[in-house]
Amino acid sequence: MDTFFEFLKEILKGIVRAISTYLFQKTFLNKGKTTQRRPKQKGGSRK
């Protein structure tokens, strides 16, 4: 029974580590890659 809890503990540690790295990459690392875009001009004729 003790080995089962150790196994479950290792699985939960892996899941928490994966979620935390995903959130870290999403919040800190991907912010610099986004660029501001100009809004498109709508309709009208160009001269």
N, C-alpha and C. Protein backbone atom coordinates (compact mmCIF):
# COMPACT_ATOMS: atom_id res chain seq x y z
N MET A 1 0.83 -1.20 0.00
CA MET A 1 0.00 0.00 0.00
C MET A 1 0.87 1.26 0.00
N ASP A 2 2.00 1.18 0.68
CA ASP A 2 2.89 2.33 0.76
C ASP A 2 3.49 2.65 -0.61
N THR A 3 3.80 1.60 -1.38
CA THR A 3 4.38 1.84 -2.71
C THR A 3 3.35 2.48 -3.64
N PHE A 4 2.09 2.13 -3.44
CA PHE A 4 1.03 2.74 -4.26
C PHE A 4 0.95 4.24 -4.02
N PHE A 5 1.06 4.65 -2.74
CA PHE A 5 1.02 6.07 -2.43
C PHE A 5 2.24 6.80 -2.98
N GLU A 6 3.39 6.16 -2.95
CA GLU A 6 4.60 6.76 -3.53
C GLU A 6 4.43 6.94 -5.04
N PHE A 7 3.87 5.93 -5.69
CA PHE A 7 3.62 5.99 -7.13
C PHE A 7 2.64 7.11 -7.46
N LEU A 8 1.56 7.21 -6.68
CA LEU A 8 0.57 8.26 -6.89
C LEU A 8 1.17 9.64 -6.65
N LYS A 9 2.03 9.74 -5.66
CA LYS A 9 2.69 11.01 -5.35
C LYS A 9 3.59 11.46 -6.50
N GLU A 10 4.31 10.53 -7.10
CA GLU A 10 5.18 10.86 -8.24
C GLU A 10 4.36 11.30 -9.45
N ILE A 11 3.23 10.66 -9.67
CA ILE A 11 2.36 11.06 -10.79
C ILE A 11 1.82 12.46 -10.58
N LEU A 12 1.38 12.77 -9.37
CA LEU A 12 0.85 14.10 -9.08
C LEU A 12 1.94 15.16 -9.18
N LYS A 13 3.16 14.84 -8.77
CA LYS A 13 4.26 15.79 -8.91
C LYS A 13 4.53 16.09 -10.38
N GLY A 14 4.46 15.08 -11.23
CA GLY A 14 4.67 15.28 -12.66
C GLY A 14 3.58 16.14 -13.28
N ILE A 15 2.34 15.91 -12.87
CA ILE A 15 1.23 16.69 -13.41
C ILE A 15 1.35 18.15 -12.98
N VAL A 16 1.67 18.39 -11.71
CA VAL A 16 1.80 19.76 -11.21
C VAL A 16 2.97 20.46 -11.90
N ARG A 17 4.06 19.74 -12.12
CA ARG A 17 5.22 20.32 -12.80
C ARG A 17 4.88 20.69 -14.25
N ALA A 18 4.14 19.84 -14.94
CA ALA A 18 3.76 20.11 -16.32
C ALA A 18 2.83 21.32 -16.41
N ILE A 19 1.87 21.41 -15.50
CA ILE A 19 0.93 22.53 -15.51
C ILE A 19 1.65 23.83 -15.19
N SER A 20 2.56 23.78 -14.23
CA SER A 20 3.26 25.01 -13.85
C SER A 20 4.18 25.49 -14.96
N THR A 21 4.84 24.59 -15.68
CA THR A 21 5.68 25.03 -16.79
C THR A 21 4.84 25.59 -17.93
N TYR A 22 3.67 25.01 -18.17
CA TYR A 22 2.79 25.54 -19.21
C TYR A 22 2.33 26.95 -18.87
N LEU A 23 1.93 27.16 -17.63
CA LEU A 23 1.47 28.49 -17.22
C LEU A 23 2.62 29.49 -17.23
N PHE A 24 3.82 29.06 -16.84
CA PHE A 24 4.98 29.96 -16.86
C PHE A 24 5.31 30.39 -18.27
N GLN A 25 5.29 29.44 -19.22
CA GLN A 25 5.57 29.79 -20.61
C GLN A 25 4.50 30.69 -21.18
N LYS A 26 3.27 30.44 -20.83
CA LYS A 26 2.16 31.23 -21.36
C LYS A 26 2.21 32.66 -20.84
N THR A 27 2.54 32.85 -19.57
CA THR A 27 2.49 34.19 -19.00
C THR A 27 3.75 34.99 -19.24
N PHE A 28 4.93 34.38 -19.15
CA PHE A 28 6.17 35.15 -19.20
C PHE A 28 6.89 35.06 -20.54
N LEU A 29 6.99 33.88 -21.12
CA LEU A 29 7.85 33.72 -22.29
C LEU A 29 7.17 34.14 -23.59
N ASN A 30 5.87 33.99 -23.70
CA ASN A 30 5.19 34.30 -24.96
C ASN A 30 4.77 35.76 -25.06
N LYS A 31 4.94 36.55 -24.01
CA LYS A 31 4.52 37.95 -24.06
C LYS A 31 5.35 38.76 -25.04
N GLY A 32 6.63 38.48 -25.14
CA GLY A 32 7.50 39.26 -26.01
C GLY A 32 7.28 39.00 -27.48
N LYS A 33 6.67 37.88 -27.82
CA LYS A 33 6.50 37.52 -29.22
C LYS A 33 5.30 38.20 -29.87
N THR A 34 4.35 38.63 -29.09
CA THR A 34 3.17 39.25 -29.68
C THR A 34 3.50 40.66 -30.13
N THR A 35 3.04 41.02 -31.31
CA THR A 35 3.29 42.35 -31.84
C THR A 35 1.98 43.07 -32.03
N GLN A 36 2.01 44.36 -31.86
CA GLN A 36 0.81 45.17 -32.07
C GLN A 36 0.57 45.32 -33.57
N ARG A 37 -0.65 45.11 -33.99
CA ARG A 37 -0.99 45.25 -35.40
C ARG A 37 -1.90 46.45 -35.59
N ARG A 38 -1.72 47.10 -36.75
CA ARG A 38 -2.61 48.22 -37.05
C ARG A 38 -3.96 47.68 -37.47
N PRO A 39 -5.02 48.35 -37.10
CA PRO A 39 -6.34 47.89 -37.55
C PRO A 39 -6.49 48.07 -39.06
N LYS A 40 -7.18 47.16 -39.70
CA LYS A 40 -7.39 47.27 -41.14
C LYS A 40 -8.34 48.41 -41.47
N GLN A 41 -8.08 49.06 -42.59
CA GLN A 41 -9.01 50.10 -43.04
C GLN A 41 -10.20 49.42 -43.68
N LYS A 42 -11.37 49.92 -43.34
CA LYS A 42 -12.58 49.27 -43.84
C LYS A 42 -13.13 50.01 -45.05
N GLY A 43 -13.34 49.27 -46.12
CA GLY A 43 -14.04 49.77 -47.28
C GLY A 43 -13.47 51.04 -47.89
N GLY A 44 -14.31 51.74 -48.63
CA GLY A 44 -13.90 52.99 -49.24
C GLY A 44 -13.09 52.75 -50.51
N SER A 45 -13.01 53.80 -51.30
CA SER A 45 -12.24 53.68 -52.54
C SER A 45 -10.93 54.45 -52.37
N ARG A 46 -9.89 53.92 -52.95
CA ARG A 46 -8.60 54.56 -52.87
C ARG A 46 -8.38 55.42 -54.12
N LYS A 47 -7.76 56.58 -53.92
CA LYS A 47 -7.53 57.48 -55.05
C LYS A 47 -6.07 57.45 -55.46
